[in-house]
Amino acid sequence: MSSARLPSASPWRRLMCIAYEAVLLFGVLFFFAYAFSALTQFKGDQGPLLWSFQAFILTVSSVYYGWSWSGGRRTLPMKTMMVRLETEPHVPPDAARATLRFLAAGAMTAAALACAAYVHGLFALLVFVPGAWSLVDRDRRALYDIACGTRLVFDRGAREAH
């Protein structure tokens, strides 16, 4: 892995990664949700089992991204689009920082949706602010990347590595 500064991933590459990742994550979460449902006989009713299910899905997602983004690994969409996550000194993040990035992005999304639900529906547009920030940031970092000290870079060698 080179210590040279790689160019930031373009907004188009980011968007393509998000779209592709949504398709793959659906499969991963469907499998784990089905397993949870089958083992606990959860039918979607309100109550403690619903909270357990939501915590389980959040944990599965956190582990998936925390592991996939750490140690120089990438998700399949990131490999396809030749995108890599790195920290400020141009090294791959550790699992804790990768998980923190996922949780920060989720918290920003949850805050926007909570404002939309409890204040006014137009606050739902705030969901786009963290990612849209990459359009104006010098290093094309989203707000959660700034908060976690990470950035997405375009790496032509990312498809072949690992």
C-alpha atoms as a PDB file:
ATOM      1  CA  MET A   1       0.000   0.000   0.000  1.00  0.00           C
ATOM      2  CA  SER A   2       1.487   3.286  -1.089  1.00  0.00           C
ATOM      3  CA  SER A   3       1.933   6.146   1.324  1.00  0.00           C
ATOM      4  CA  ALA A   4       1.316   8.652  -1.495  1.00  0.00           C
ATOM      5  CA  ARG A   5      -1.859  10.672  -1.257  1.00  0.00           C
ATOM      6  CA  LEU A   6      -4.515   9.187  -3.520  1.00  0.00           C
ATOM      7  CA  PRO A   7      -7.248  11.306  -5.107  1.00  0.00           C
ATOM      8  CA  SER A   8     -10.567  11.457  -3.294  1.00  0.00           C
ATOM      9  CA  ALA A   9     -13.397   9.305  -4.604  1.00  0.00           C
ATOM     10  CA  SER A  10     -15.772  11.276  -6.791  1.00  0.00           C
ATOM     11  CA  PRO A  11     -19.391  11.790  -5.762  1.00  0.00           C
ATOM     12  CA  TRP A  12     -20.413   9.540  -8.658  1.00  0.00           C
ATOM     13  CA  ARG A  13     -18.255   6.651  -7.362  1.00  0.00           C
ATOM     14  CA  ARG A  14     -19.659   7.172  -3.870  1.00  0.00           C
ATOM     15  CA  LEU A  15     -23.222   7.081  -5.180  1.00  0.00           C
ATOM     16  CA  MET A  16     -22.579   3.929  -7.203  1.00  0.00           C
ATOM     17  CA  CYS A  17     -21.050   2.252  -4.137  1.00  0.00           C
ATOM     18  CA  ILE A  18     -24.102   3.182  -2.064  1.00  0.00           C
ATOM     19  CA  ALA A  19     -26.535   1.814  -4.663  1.00  0.00           C
ATOM     20  CA  TYR A  20     -24.601  -1.442  -5.132  1.00  0.00           C
ATOM     21  CA  GLU A  21     -24.107  -1.793  -1.371  1.00  0.00           C
ATOM     22  CA  ALA A  22     -27.838  -1.420  -0.748  1.00  0.00           C
ATOM     23  CA  VAL A  23     -28.509  -4.449  -2.935  1.00  0.00           C
ATOM     24  CA  LEU A  24     -25.892  -6.584  -1.174  1.00  0.00           C
ATOM     25  CA  LEU A  25     -26.818  -5.413   2.301  1.00  0.00           C
ATOM     26  CA  PHE A  26     -30.437  -6.347   1.635  1.00  0.00           C
ATOM     27  CA  GLY A  27     -29.340  -9.960   1.171  1.00  0.00           C
ATOM     28  CA  VAL A  28     -27.151  -9.989   4.268  1.00  0.00           C
ATOM     29  CA  LEU A  29     -29.809  -8.420   6.480  1.00  0.00           C
ATOM     30  CA  PHE A  30     -32.562 -10.597   5.010  1.00  0.00           C
ATOM     31  CA  PHE A  31     -30.616 -13.729   5.960  1.00  0.00           C
ATOM     32  CA  PHE A  32     -29.949 -12.573   9.529  1.00  0.00           C
ATOM     33  CA  ALA A  33     -33.473 -11.182   9.995  1.00  0.00           C
ATOM     34  CA  TYR A  34     -34.949 -14.480   8.829  1.00  0.00           C
ATOM     35  CA  ALA A  35     -32.686 -16.403  11.222  1.00  0.00           C
ATOM     36  CA  PHE A  36     -33.686 -14.124  14.130  1.00  0.00           C
ATOM     37  CA  SER A  37     -37.350 -14.500  13.224  1.00  0.00           C
ATOM     38  CA  ALA A  38     -37.138 -18.256  12.941  1.00  0.00           C
ATOM     39  CA  LEU A  39     -35.278 -18.695  16.224  1.00  0.00           C
ATOM     40  CA  THR A  40     -37.414 -16.321  18.298  1.00  0.00           C
ATOM     41  CA  GLN A  41     -40.762 -16.629  16.476  1.00  0.00           C
ATOM     42  CA  PHE A  42     -40.723 -12.844  16.081  1.00  0.00           C
ATOM     43  CA  LYS A  43     -43.667 -11.638  13.995  1.00  0.00           C
ATOM     44  CA  GLY A  44     -43.003  -7.886  14.069  1.00  0.00           C
ATOM     45  CA  ASP A  45     -45.180  -7.086  17.077  1.00  0.00           C
ATOM     46  CA  GLN A  46     -44.430  -4.170  19.390  1.00  0.00           C
ATOM     47  CA  GLY A  47     -42.563  -4.970  22.584  1.00  0.00           C
ATOM     48  CA  PRO A  48     -39.178  -6.076  23.854  1.00  0.00           C
ATOM     49  CA  LEU A  49     -38.662  -8.515  21.002  1.00  0.00           C
ATOM     50  CA  LEU A  50     -38.954  -5.660  18.498  1.00  0.00           C
ATOM     51  CA  TRP A  51     -36.237  -3.733  20.349  1.00  0.00           C
ATOM     52  CA  SER A  52     -34.108  -6.886  20.424  1.00  0.00           C
ATOM     53  CA  PHE A  53     -34.596  -7.355  16.694  1.00  0.00           C
ATOM     54  CA  GLN A  54     -33.608  -3.754  15.962  1.00  0.00           C
ATOM     55  CA  ALA A  55     -30.521  -4.040  18.178  1.00  0.00           C
ATOM     56  CA  PHE A  56     -29.611  -7.321  16.464  1.00  0.00           C
ATOM     57  CA  ILE A  57     -29.866  -5.805  12.976  1.00  0.00           C
ATOM     58  CA  LEU A  58     -27.815  -2.779  14.084  1.00  0.00           C
ATOM     59  CA  THR A  59     -25.168  -5.117  15.510  1.00  0.00           C
ATOM     60  CA  VAL A  60     -25.047  -7.218  12.335  1.00  0.00           C
ATOM     61  CA  SER A  61     -24.681  -4.069  10.207  1.00  0.00           C
ATOM     62  CA  SER A  62     -22.001  -2.641  12.519  1.00  0.00           C
ATOM     63  CA  VAL A  63     -19.984  -5.843  12.437  1.00  0.00           C
ATOM     64  CA  TYR A  64     -20.376  -6.133   8.655  1.00  0.00           C
ATOM     65  CA  TYR A  65     -19.093  -2.619   7.992  1.00  0.00           C
ATOM     66  CA  GLY A  66     -16.607  -2.521  10.856  1.00  0.00           C
ATOM     67  CA  TRP A  67     -14.923  -5.661   9.567  1.00  0.00           C
ATOM     68  CA  SER A  68     -15.302  -4.819   5.860  1.00  0.00           C
ATOM     69  CA  TRP A  69     -13.786  -1.343   6.144  1.00  0.00           C
ATOM     70  CA  SER A  70     -10.919  -2.148   8.517  1.00  0.00           C
ATOM     71  CA  GLY A  71      -7.465  -3.569   7.906  1.00  0.00           C
ATOM     72  CA  GLY A  72      -7.409  -2.575   4.242  1.00  0.00           C
ATOM     73  CA  ARG A  73     -10.476  -4.666   3.383  1.00  0.00           C
ATOM     74  CA  ARG A  74     -13.276  -3.359   1.193  1.00  0.00           C
ATOM     75  CA  THR A  75     -16.811  -4.392   0.417  1.00  0.00           C
ATOM     76  CA  LEU A  76     -17.497  -5.829  -3.036  1.00  0.00           C
ATOM     77  CA  PRO A  77     -18.935  -2.502  -4.295  1.00  0.00           C
ATOM     78  CA  MET A  78     -15.826  -0.699  -3.089  1.00  0.00           C
ATOM     79  CA  LYS A  79     -13.623  -3.179  -4.965  1.00  0.00           C
ATOM     80  CA  THR A  80     -15.747  -2.844  -8.088  1.00  0.00           C
ATOM     81  CA  MET A  81     -15.662   0.959  -8.004  1.00  0.00           C
ATOM     82  CA  MET A  82     -11.967   0.995  -6.942  1.00  0.00           C
ATOM     83  CA  VAL A  83     -12.681   2.890  -3.725  1.00  0.00           C
ATOM     84  CA  ARG A  84     -10.820   2.469  -0.453  1.00  0.00           C
ATOM     85  CA  LEU A  85     -11.337   3.902   3.018  1.00  0.00           C
ATOM     86  CA  GLU A  86      -8.320   5.433   4.709  1.00  0.00           C
ATOM     87  CA  THR A  87      -7.510   7.546   7.743  1.00  0.00           C
ATOM     88  CA  GLU A  88      -5.744  10.879   7.688  1.00  0.00           C
ATOM     89  CA  PRO A  89      -2.184   9.426   7.725  1.00  0.00           C
ATOM     90  CA  HIS A  90      -3.144   7.411   4.590  1.00  0.00           C
ATOM     91  CA  VAL A  91      -3.528   4.021   6.283  1.00  0.00           C
ATOM     92  CA  PRO A  92      -6.553   1.726   6.542  1.00  0.00           C
ATOM     93  CA  PRO A  93      -8.697   2.333   9.613  1.00  0.00           C
ATOM     94  CA  ASP A  94      -8.810  -0.159  12.455  1.00  0.00           C
ATOM     95  CA  ALA A  95     -12.062  -1.953  13.283  1.00  0.00           C
ATOM     96  CA  ALA A  96     -13.004   0.553  15.997  1.00  0.00           C
ATOM     97  CA  ARG A  97     -12.704   3.556  13.670  1.00  0.00           C
ATOM     98  CA  ALA A  98     -14.513   1.768  10.840  1.00  0.00           C
ATOM     99  CA  THR A  99     -17.370   0.857  13.183  1.00  0.00           C
ATOM    100  CA  LEU A 100     -17.427   4.412  14.541  1.00  0.00           C
ATOM    101  CA  ARG A 101     -17.762   5.705  10.965  1.00  0.00           C
ATOM    102  CA  PHE A 102     -20.749   3.435  10.390  1.00  0.00           C
ATOM    103  CA  LEU A 103     -22.374   4.465  13.672  1.00  0.00           C
ATOM    104  CA  ALA A 104     -21.733   8.176  13.008  1.00  0.00           C
ATOM    105  CA  ALA A 105     -23.394   7.925   9.597  1.00  0.00           C
ATOM    106  CA  GLY A 106     -26.303   6.052  11.158  1.00  0.00           C
ATOM    107  CA  ALA A 107     -26.648   8.577  13.979  1.00  0.00           C
ATOM    108  CA  MET A 108     -26.759  11.479  11.526  1.00  0.00           C
ATOM    109  CA  THR A 109     -29.440   9.698   9.519  1.00  0.00           C
ATOM    110  CA  ALA A 110     -31.428   8.803  12.644  1.00  0.00           C
ATOM    111  CA  ALA A 111     -31.266  12.410  13.892  1.00  0.00           C
ATOM    112  CA  ALA A 112     -32.622  13.713  10.601  1.00  0.00           C
ATOM    113  CA  LEU A 113     -35.438  11.158  10.583  1.00  0.00           C
ATOM    114  CA  ALA A 114     -36.292  11.887  14.222  1.00  0.00           C
ATOM    115  CA  CYS A 115     -36.564  15.591  13.423  1.00  0.00           C
ATOM    116  CA  ALA A 116     -38.803  14.725  10.483  1.00  0.00           C
ATOM    117  CA  ALA A 117     -41.028  12.527  12.637  1.00  0.00           C
ATOM    118  CA  TYR A 118     -41.311  14.795  15.663  1.00  0.00           C
ATOM    119  CA  VAL A 119     -40.796  18.336  14.355  1.00  0.00           C
ATOM    120  CA  HIS A 120     -41.710  18.636  10.664  1.00  0.00           C
ATOM    121  CA  GLY A 121     -41.610  16.286   7.694  1.00  0.00           C
ATOM    122  CA  LEU A 122     -39.323  18.568   5.693  1.00  0.00           C
ATOM    123  CA  PHE A 123     -36.513  17.754   8.114  1.00  0.00           C
ATOM    124  CA  ALA A 124     -36.260  14.429   6.261  1.00  0.00           C
ATOM    125  CA  LEU A 125     -34.218  16.343   3.686  1.00  0.00           C
ATOM    126  CA  LEU A 126     -31.461  16.558   6.301  1.00  0.00           C
ATOM    127  CA  VAL A 127     -30.721  12.896   5.535  1.00  0.00           C
ATOM    128  CA  PHE A 128     -28.832  14.096   2.474  1.00  0.00           C
ATOM    129  CA  VAL A 129     -26.695  16.719   4.233  1.00  0.00           C
ATOM    130  CA  PRO A 130     -23.863  14.449   5.517  1.00  0.00           C
ATOM    131  CA  GLY A 131     -23.264  12.918   2.091  1.00  0.00           C
ATOM    132  CA  ALA A 132     -23.888  16.147   0.178  1.00  0.00           C
ATOM    133  CA  TRP A 133     -21.182  17.790   2.264  1.00  0.00           C
ATOM    134  CA  SER A 134     -18.690  15.855   0.111  1.00  0.00           C
ATOM    135  CA  LEU A 135     -19.650  18.118  -2.799  1.00  0.00           C
ATOM    136  CA  VAL A 136     -18.238  21.179  -1.026  1.00  0.00           C
ATOM    137  CA  ASP A 137     -15.444  19.705   1.084  1.00  0.00           C
ATOM    138  CA  ARG A 138     -11.918  20.163  -0.254  1.00  0.00           C
ATOM    139  CA  ASP A 139     -11.137  16.443   0.247  1.00  0.00           C
ATOM    140  CA  ARG A 140     -14.664  15.299  -0.712  1.00  0.00           C
ATOM    141  CA  ARG A 141     -15.295  13.970   2.804  1.00  0.00           C
ATOM    142  CA  ALA A 142     -18.810  13.450   4.135  1.00  0.00           C
ATOM    143  CA  LEU A 143     -19.617  14.870   7.563  1.00  0.00           C
ATOM    144  CA  TYR A 144     -19.209  11.461   9.195  1.00  0.00           C
ATOM    145  CA  ASP A 145     -15.798  11.114   7.527  1.00  0.00           C
ATOM    146  CA  ILE A 146     -14.767  14.458   8.999  1.00  0.00           C
ATOM    147  CA  ALA A 147     -16.032  13.376  12.429  1.00  0.00           C
ATOM    148  CA  CYS A 148     -14.116  10.080  12.260  1.00  0.00           C
ATOM    149  CA  GLY A 149     -10.954  11.237  10.481  1.00  0.00           C
ATOM    150  CA  THR A 150     -11.491   9.049   7.424  1.00  0.00           C
ATOM    151  CA  ARG A 151     -11.896   9.596   3.708  1.00  0.00           C
ATOM    152  CA  LEU A 152     -12.790   7.569   0.631  1.00  0.00           C
ATOM    153  CA  VAL A 153     -10.113   7.505  -2.048  1.00  0.00           C
ATOM    154  CA  PHE A 154      -9.984   6.353  -5.641  1.00  0.00           C
ATOM    155  CA  ASP A 155      -7.377   3.590  -5.857  1.00  0.00           C
ATOM    156  CA  ARG A 156      -6.807   1.916  -9.214  1.00  0.00           C
ATOM    157  CA  GLY A 157      -5.034  -0.935  -7.413  1.00  0.00           C
ATOM    158  CA  ALA A 158      -7.966  -1.492  -5.037  1.00  0.00           C
ATOM    159  CA  ARG A 159      -9.694  -3.958  -7.375  1.00  0.00           C
ATOM    160  CA  GLU A 160      -6.766  -6.378  -7.457  1.00  0.00           C
ATOM    161  CA  ALA A 161      -5.644  -6.157  -3.813  1.00  0.00           C
ATOM    162  CA  HIS A 162      -6.897  -8.712  -1.279  1.00  0.00           C
END
